[in-house]
Amino acid sequence: MERLPTVLALAELARYRLGDGMDYRPIRKAMGVSAFGINAYTADEGTVIEPHDELGSGSGGHEELYYVATGHAKFEVAGEEIDAPPGTIVLVQPEQHRSATAHAPDTTVLVIGGKPGAAGPPSPFEYWYLAIGKPPEEAYAIAAEGLEHYPESGGLQYSLACYAALAGRREDALRHIKIAFEVEPKSRGWAKDDADLDSIRADL
């Protein structure tokens, strides 16, 4: 049976008062997240992220990414002060001491944590997305970095064929498009009207 998405609004998160006006807002447990830790903390003033590092927490030394969802926070990370209005994202390494205070009512900070490197390589799309808008030769070099982890990705091979064709690298373009056609049958449809491949169209 297909599992349906789990959806919660920020306002629906439970609140557990931790003292001094700071509320713990569980997300990981409430939504059944198993790939990473994620929770939120809310305060009207004072502490919203308690002073700590991740070296002795029993977590195995997590990286933590903080996202200020509402209100206004001010962080101190490794002695550096960071002003954090809504939308601010702060990444903190396990050994760095950090804390944050709320400077507006209903300041909510999402905290996402995981062991460094545990997530593995980026998803294959990230390599060709980062290449978008770059000159063809540069785009090819950026996307080609993904081959180390995803040599059988049809989307990556197709994108490399496009960049290679635009850069005048005919043999590389033909090699990549051949692999794309083999591992991702839908790519033949993509190629049908793709102007990026016009320079090699006679050989498709």
C-alpha atoms as a PDB file:
ATOM      1  CA  MET A   1       0.000   0.000   0.000  1.00  0.00           C
ATOM      2  CA  GLU A   2       1.389   3.388  -1.025  1.00  0.00           C
ATOM      3  CA  ARG A   3       2.276   5.635   1.892  1.00  0.00           C
ATOM      4  CA  LEU A   4       0.612   9.032   1.723  1.00  0.00           C
ATOM      5  CA  PRO A   5       2.532  12.248   2.458  1.00  0.00           C
ATOM      6  CA  THR A   6       2.480  13.474   6.038  1.00  0.00           C
ATOM      7  CA  VAL A   7       1.524  17.122   6.332  1.00  0.00           C
ATOM      8  CA  LEU A   8       1.640  19.420   9.348  1.00  0.00           C
ATOM      9  CA  ALA A   9       1.389  23.188   9.658  1.00  0.00           C
ATOM     10  CA  LEU A  10       3.876  24.962  11.886  1.00  0.00           C
ATOM     11  CA  ALA A  11       0.990  26.190  14.059  1.00  0.00           C
ATOM     12  CA  GLU A  12      -0.135  22.580  14.607  1.00  0.00           C
ATOM     13  CA  LEU A  13       3.117  21.476  16.233  1.00  0.00           C
ATOM     14  CA  ALA A  14       2.796  20.575  19.892  1.00  0.00           C
ATOM     15  CA  ARG A  15       4.531  22.730  22.484  1.00  0.00           C
ATOM     16  CA  TYR A  16       6.546  21.461  25.437  1.00  0.00           C
ATOM     17  CA  ARG A  17       7.745  24.205  27.771  1.00  0.00           C
ATOM     18  CA  LEU A  18      11.417  23.750  28.591  1.00  0.00           C
ATOM     19  CA  GLY A  19      11.608  26.673  31.000  1.00  0.00           C
ATOM     20  CA  ASP A  20      12.423  30.362  30.653  1.00  0.00           C
ATOM     21  CA  GLY A  21       9.752  30.782  27.988  1.00  0.00           C
ATOM     22  CA  MET A  22      11.220  28.385  25.382  1.00  0.00           C
ATOM     23  CA  ASP A  23       8.979  25.731  23.805  1.00  0.00           C
ATOM     24  CA  TYR A  24      10.176  22.493  22.195  1.00  0.00           C
ATOM     25  CA  ARG A  25       8.126  21.700  19.036  1.00  0.00           C
ATOM     26  CA  PRO A  26       8.622  18.041  17.958  1.00  0.00           C
ATOM     27  CA  ILE A  27       8.653  17.430  14.201  1.00  0.00           C
ATOM     28  CA  ARG A  28      10.704  14.259  13.725  1.00  0.00           C
ATOM     29  CA  LYS A  29       8.523  12.077  15.934  1.00  0.00           C
ATOM     30  CA  ALA A  30       5.268  13.733  14.897  1.00  0.00           C
ATOM     31  CA  MET A  31       5.945  13.135  11.196  1.00  0.00           C
ATOM     32  CA  GLY A  32       7.870   9.863  11.441  1.00  0.00           C
ATOM     33  CA  VAL A  33      11.092  11.229   9.935  1.00  0.00           C
ATOM     34  CA  SER A  34      13.876   8.611   9.945  1.00  0.00           C
ATOM     35  CA  ALA A  35      16.566  10.061   7.643  1.00  0.00           C
ATOM     36  CA  PHE A  36      17.580  13.038   9.794  1.00  0.00           C
ATOM     37  CA  GLY A  37      16.677  14.873  12.975  1.00  0.00           C
ATOM     38  CA  ILE A  38      14.322  17.824  12.707  1.00  0.00           C
ATOM     39  CA  ASN A  39      12.522  19.793  15.393  1.00  0.00           C
ATOM     40  CA  ALA A  40      11.624  23.388  16.199  1.00  0.00           C
ATOM     41  CA  TYR A  41      11.912  25.755  19.137  1.00  0.00           C
ATOM     42  CA  THR A  42       9.799  28.833  19.843  1.00  0.00           C
ATOM     43  CA  ALA A  43      10.226  31.756  22.246  1.00  0.00           C
ATOM     44  CA  ASP A  44       8.914  35.297  22.530  1.00  0.00           C
ATOM     45  CA  GLU A  45      12.135  36.561  24.100  1.00  0.00           C
ATOM     46  CA  GLY A  46      15.310  35.216  25.619  1.00  0.00           C
ATOM     47  CA  THR A  47      16.755  31.824  24.778  1.00  0.00           C
ATOM     48  CA  VAL A  48      15.363  30.027  21.734  1.00  0.00           C
ATOM     49  CA  ILE A  49      18.404  27.777  21.117  1.00  0.00           C
ATOM     50  CA  GLU A  50      20.210  26.841  24.298  1.00  0.00           C
ATOM     51  CA  PRO A  51      24.014  27.247  24.458  1.00  0.00           C
ATOM     52  CA  HIS A  52      25.691  23.974  23.429  1.00  0.00           C
ATOM     53  CA  ASP A  53      27.918  22.122  21.008  1.00  0.00           C
ATOM     54  CA  GLU A  54      27.313  18.656  19.559  1.00  0.00           C
ATOM     55  CA  LEU A  55      30.496  16.926  20.692  1.00  0.00           C
ATOM     56  CA  GLY A  56      29.244  15.472  23.940  1.00  0.00           C
ATOM     57  CA  SER A  57      25.514  15.292  23.299  1.00  0.00           C
ATOM     58  CA  GLY A  58      25.357  11.573  22.553  1.00  0.00           C
ATOM     59  CA  SER A  59      24.233  12.414  19.027  1.00  0.00           C
ATOM     60  CA  GLY A  60      27.492  11.290  17.479  1.00  0.00           C
ATOM     61  CA  GLY A  61      28.510  14.831  16.562  1.00  0.00           C
ATOM     62  CA  HIS A  62      25.749  16.219  14.356  1.00  0.00           C
ATOM     63  CA  GLU A  63      25.942  19.088  11.939  1.00  0.00           C
ATOM     64  CA  GLU A  64      22.982  21.334  12.627  1.00  0.00           C
ATOM     65  CA  LEU A  65      21.203  23.619  10.201  1.00  0.00           C
ATOM     66  CA  TYR A  66      19.038  26.325  11.755  1.00  0.00           C
ATOM     67  CA  TYR A  67      16.227  28.027   9.832  1.00  0.00           C
ATOM     68  CA  VAL A  68      14.477  31.052  11.311  1.00  0.00           C
ATOM     69  CA  ALA A  69      10.868  30.488  10.299  1.00  0.00           C
ATOM     70  CA  THR A  70       9.159  33.322  12.186  1.00  0.00           C
ATOM     71  CA  GLY A  71      10.103  36.237  14.423  1.00  0.00           C
ATOM     72  CA  HIS A  72      13.712  37.392  14.691  1.00  0.00           C
ATOM     73  CA  ALA A  73      16.673  35.620  16.283  1.00  0.00           C
ATOM     74  CA  LYS A  74      20.254  36.490  17.062  1.00  0.00           C
ATOM     75  CA  PHE A  75      22.801  33.673  17.047  1.00  0.00           C
ATOM     76  CA  GLU A  76      26.216  33.426  18.543  1.00  0.00           C
ATOM     77  CA  VAL A  77      28.325  30.758  16.806  1.00  0.00           C
ATOM     78  CA  ALA A  78      31.946  30.180  17.816  1.00  0.00           C
ATOM     79  CA  GLY A  79      32.046  33.684  19.244  1.00  0.00           C
ATOM     80  CA  GLU A  80      30.554  35.325  16.139  1.00  0.00           C
ATOM     81  CA  GLU A  81      27.258  37.183  16.373  1.00  0.00           C
ATOM     82  CA  ILE A  82      24.766  36.574  13.550  1.00  0.00           C
ATOM     83  CA  ASP A  83      21.621  38.641  13.069  1.00  0.00           C
ATOM     84  CA  ALA A  84      18.898  36.292  11.836  1.00  0.00           C
ATOM     85  CA  PRO A  85      15.612  37.744  10.567  1.00  0.00           C
ATOM     86  CA  PRO A  86      12.998  35.376   9.090  1.00  0.00           C
ATOM     87  CA  GLY A  87      14.386  33.251   6.286  1.00  0.00           C
ATOM     88  CA  THR A  88      17.941  33.137   7.648  1.00  0.00           C
ATOM     89  CA  ILE A  89      19.738  29.779   7.384  1.00  0.00           C
ATOM     90  CA  VAL A  90      22.725  29.029   9.612  1.00  0.00           C
ATOM     91  CA  LEU A  91      24.854  25.862   9.345  1.00  0.00           C
ATOM     92  CA  VAL A  92      26.875  24.965  12.439  1.00  0.00           C
ATOM     93  CA  GLN A  93      29.561  22.273  12.700  1.00  0.00           C
ATOM     94  CA  PRO A  94      29.560  19.796  15.623  1.00  0.00           C
ATOM     95  CA  GLU A  95      32.481  21.393  17.462  1.00  0.00           C
ATOM     96  CA  GLN A  96      31.184  24.964  17.212  1.00  0.00           C
ATOM     97  CA  HIS A  97      29.505  26.358  20.301  1.00  0.00           C
ATOM     98  CA  ARG A  98      26.182  27.978  19.470  1.00  0.00           C
ATOM     99  CA  SER A  99      23.179  29.688  21.033  1.00  0.00           C
ATOM    100  CA  ALA A 100      20.337  31.914  19.874  1.00  0.00           C
ATOM    101  CA  THR A 101      17.982  34.397  21.488  1.00  0.00           C
ATOM    102  CA  ALA A 102      14.561  35.575  20.362  1.00  0.00           C
ATOM    103  CA  HIS A 103      14.186  39.285  19.605  1.00  0.00           C
ATOM    104  CA  ALA A 104      10.562  39.283  18.434  1.00  0.00           C
ATOM    105  CA  PRO A 105       7.393  37.542  19.628  1.00  0.00           C
ATOM    106  CA  ASP A 106       6.786  34.005  18.332  1.00  0.00           C
ATOM    107  CA  THR A 107      10.348  33.463  17.125  1.00  0.00           C
ATOM    108  CA  THR A 108      10.497  29.901  15.794  1.00  0.00           C
ATOM    109  CA  VAL A 109      13.723  28.215  14.718  1.00  0.00           C
ATOM    110  CA  LEU A 110      13.729  24.892  12.859  1.00  0.00           C
ATOM    111  CA  VAL A 111      16.713  22.654  13.619  1.00  0.00           C
ATOM    112  CA  ILE A 112      17.799  19.945  11.160  1.00  0.00           C
ATOM    113  CA  GLY A 113      20.635  17.662  12.234  1.00  0.00           C
ATOM    114  CA  GLY A 114      22.633  14.706  10.990  1.00  0.00           C
ATOM    115  CA  LYS A 115      26.082  13.176  11.103  1.00  0.00           C
ATOM    116  CA  PRO A 116      28.509  14.816   8.646  1.00  0.00           C
ATOM    117  CA  GLY A 117      28.740  12.751   5.464  1.00  0.00           C
ATOM    118  CA  ALA A 118      25.910  10.398   6.457  1.00  0.00           C
ATOM    119  CA  ALA A 119      23.632  11.621   3.680  1.00  0.00           C
ATOM    120  CA  GLY A 120      26.057  10.373   1.037  1.00  0.00           C
ATOM    121  CA  PRO A 121      26.552  12.054  -2.334  1.00  0.00           C
ATOM    122  CA  PRO A 122      24.078  14.707  -3.516  1.00  0.00           C
ATOM    123  CA  SER A 123      21.157  13.561  -5.644  1.00  0.00           C
ATOM    124  CA  PRO A 124      22.085  13.325  -9.345  1.00  0.00           C
ATOM    125  CA  PHE A 125      19.869  16.252 -10.350  1.00  0.00           C
ATOM    126  CA  GLU A 126      21.991  18.593  -8.244  1.00  0.00           C
ATOM    127  CA  TYR A 127      24.932  18.227 -10.611  1.00  0.00           C
ATOM    128  CA  TRP A 128      23.053  19.286 -13.734  1.00  0.00           C
ATOM    129  CA  TYR A 129      20.954  21.901 -11.946  1.00  0.00           C
ATOM    130  CA  LEU A 130      24.155  23.647 -10.813  1.00  0.00           C
ATOM    131  CA  ALA A 131      25.291  23.731 -14.442  1.00  0.00           C
ATOM    132  CA  ILE A 132      22.206  25.563 -15.730  1.00  0.00           C
ATOM    133  CA  GLY A 133      23.036  28.916 -17.295  1.00  0.00           C
ATOM    134  CA  LYS A 134      26.789  28.309 -17.457  1.00  0.00           C
ATOM    135  CA  PRO A 135      28.756  28.340 -20.748  1.00  0.00           C
ATOM    136  CA  PRO A 136      28.574  24.848 -22.318  1.00  0.00           C
ATOM    137  CA  GLU A 137      32.161  23.822 -21.565  1.00  0.00           C
ATOM    138  CA  GLU A 138      31.878  24.928 -17.937  1.00  0.00           C
ATOM    139  CA  ALA A 139      28.439  23.341 -17.618  1.00  0.00           C
ATOM    140  CA  TYR A 140      29.816  20.061 -18.916  1.00  0.00           C
ATOM    141  CA  ALA A 141      32.636  20.103 -16.350  1.00  0.00           C
ATOM    142  CA  ILE A 142      30.239  20.833 -13.479  1.00  0.00           C
ATOM    143  CA  ALA A 143      27.745  18.131 -14.427  1.00  0.00           C
ATOM    144  CA  ALA A 144      30.480  15.578 -15.158  1.00  0.00           C
ATOM    145  CA  GLU A 145      31.434  15.592 -11.471  1.00  0.00           C
ATOM    146  CA  GLY A 146      28.296  13.557 -10.871  1.00  0.00           C
ATOM    147  CA  LEU A 147      29.570  10.625 -12.927  1.00  0.00           C
ATOM    148  CA  GLU A 148      31.697   9.487  -9.989  1.00  0.00           C
ATOM    149  CA  HIS A 149      28.528   8.601  -8.091  1.00  0.00           C
ATOM    150  CA  TYR A 150      25.886   8.222 -10.806  1.00  0.00           C
ATOM    151  CA  PRO A 151      27.361   6.782 -14.028  1.00  0.00           C
ATOM    152  CA  GLU A 152      24.025   5.089 -14.781  1.00  0.00           C
ATOM    153  CA  SER A 153      21.805   8.138 -14.300  1.00  0.00           C
ATOM    154  CA  GLY A 154      19.894   8.695 -17.521  1.00  0.00           C
ATOM    155  CA  GLY A 155      19.121  12.302 -16.623  1.00  0.00           C
ATOM    156  CA  LEU A 156      22.755  13.087 -15.917  1.00  0.00           C
ATOM    157  CA  GLN A 157      23.981  11.364 -19.073  1.00  0.00           C
ATOM    158  CA  TYR A 158      21.364  13.205 -21.142  1.00  0.00           C
ATOM    159  CA  SER A 159      22.362  16.567 -19.680  1.00  0.00           C
ATOM    160  CA  LEU A 160      26.018  15.822 -20.386  1.00  0.00           C
ATOM    161  CA  ALA A 161      25.122  14.978 -23.979  1.00  0.00           C
ATOM    162  CA  CYS A 162      23.419  18.368 -24.335  1.00  0.00           C
ATOM    163  CA  TYR A 163      26.317  20.304 -22.808  1.00  0.00           C
ATOM    164  CA  ALA A 164      28.854  18.381 -24.888  1.00  0.00           C
ATOM    165  CA  ALA A 165      26.904  18.988 -28.096  1.00  0.00           C
ATOM    166  CA  LEU A 166      26.669  22.708 -27.373  1.00  0.00           C
ATOM    167  CA  ALA A 167      30.403  22.811 -26.623  1.00  0.00           C
ATOM    168  CA  GLY A 168      31.251  21.136 -29.942  1.00  0.00           C
ATOM    169  CA  ARG A 169      32.369  17.906 -28.254  1.00  0.00           C
ATOM    170  CA  ARG A 170      30.685  15.625 -30.763  1.00  0.00           C
ATOM    171  CA  GLU A 171      32.145  12.292 -29.674  1.00  0.00           C
ATOM    172  CA  ASP A 172      31.440  12.968 -26.015  1.00  0.00           C
ATOM    173  CA  ALA A 173      27.889  14.011 -26.860  1.00  0.00           C
ATOM    174  CA  LEU A 174      27.244  10.823 -28.821  1.00  0.00           C
ATOM    175  CA  ARG A 175      28.728   8.683 -26.050  1.00  0.00           C
ATOM    176  CA  HIS A 176      26.539  10.262 -23.376  1.00  0.00           C
ATOM    177  CA  ILE A 177      23.351  10.205 -25.422  1.00  0.00           C
ATOM    178  CA  LYS A 178      23.865   6.528 -26.223  1.00  0.00           C
ATOM    179  CA  ILE A 179      24.073   5.711 -22.520  1.00  0.00           C
ATOM    180  CA  ALA A 180      21.068   7.932 -21.773  1.00  0.00           C
ATOM    181  CA  PHE A 181      18.980   6.116 -24.389  1.00  0.00           C
ATOM    182  CA  GLU A 182      19.980   2.752 -22.914  1.00  0.00           C
ATOM    183  CA  VAL A 183      19.289   3.489 -19.259  1.00  0.00           C
ATOM    184  CA  GLU A 184      16.398   5.968 -19.583  1.00  0.00           C
ATOM    185  CA  PRO A 185      14.029   5.095 -22.453  1.00  0.00           C
ATOM    186  CA  LYS A 186      12.080   8.348 -21.968  1.00  0.00           C
ATOM    187  CA  SER A 187      15.179  10.277 -23.000  1.00  0.00           C
ATOM    188  CA  ARG A 188      14.470   9.474 -26.659  1.00  0.00           C
ATOM    189  CA  GLY A 189      11.334  11.551 -26.325  1.00  0.00           C
ATOM    190  CA  TRP A 190      13.271  14.356 -24.653  1.00  0.00           C
ATOM    191  CA  ALA A 191      15.754  14.386 -27.523  1.00  0.00           C
ATOM    192  CA  LYS A 192      13.161  14.564 -30.281  1.00  0.00           C
ATOM    193  CA  ASP A 193      12.775  18.357 -30.266  1.00  0.00           C
ATOM    194  CA  ASP A 194      15.723  19.392 -28.103  1.00  0.00           C
ATOM    195  CA  ALA A 195      17.659  22.098 -29.946  1.00  0.00           C
ATOM    196  CA  ASP A 196      20.679  21.484 -27.727  1.00  0.00           C
ATOM    197  CA  LEU A 197      21.255  18.273 -29.680  1.00  0.00           C
ATOM    198  CA  ASP A 198      20.885  19.718 -33.188  1.00  0.00           C
ATOM    199  CA  SER A 199      24.608  19.371 -33.915  1.00  0.00           C
ATOM    200  CA  ILE A 200      24.416  15.576 -33.496  1.00  0.00           C
ATOM    201  CA  ARG A 201      20.821  15.024 -34.608  1.00  0.00           C
ATOM    202  CA  ALA A 202      21.795  13.226 -37.808  1.00  0.00           C
ATOM    203  CA  ASP A 203      23.376  10.481 -35.687  1.00  0.00           C
ATOM    204  CA  LEU A 204      20.580  10.024 -33.151  1.00  0.00           C
END
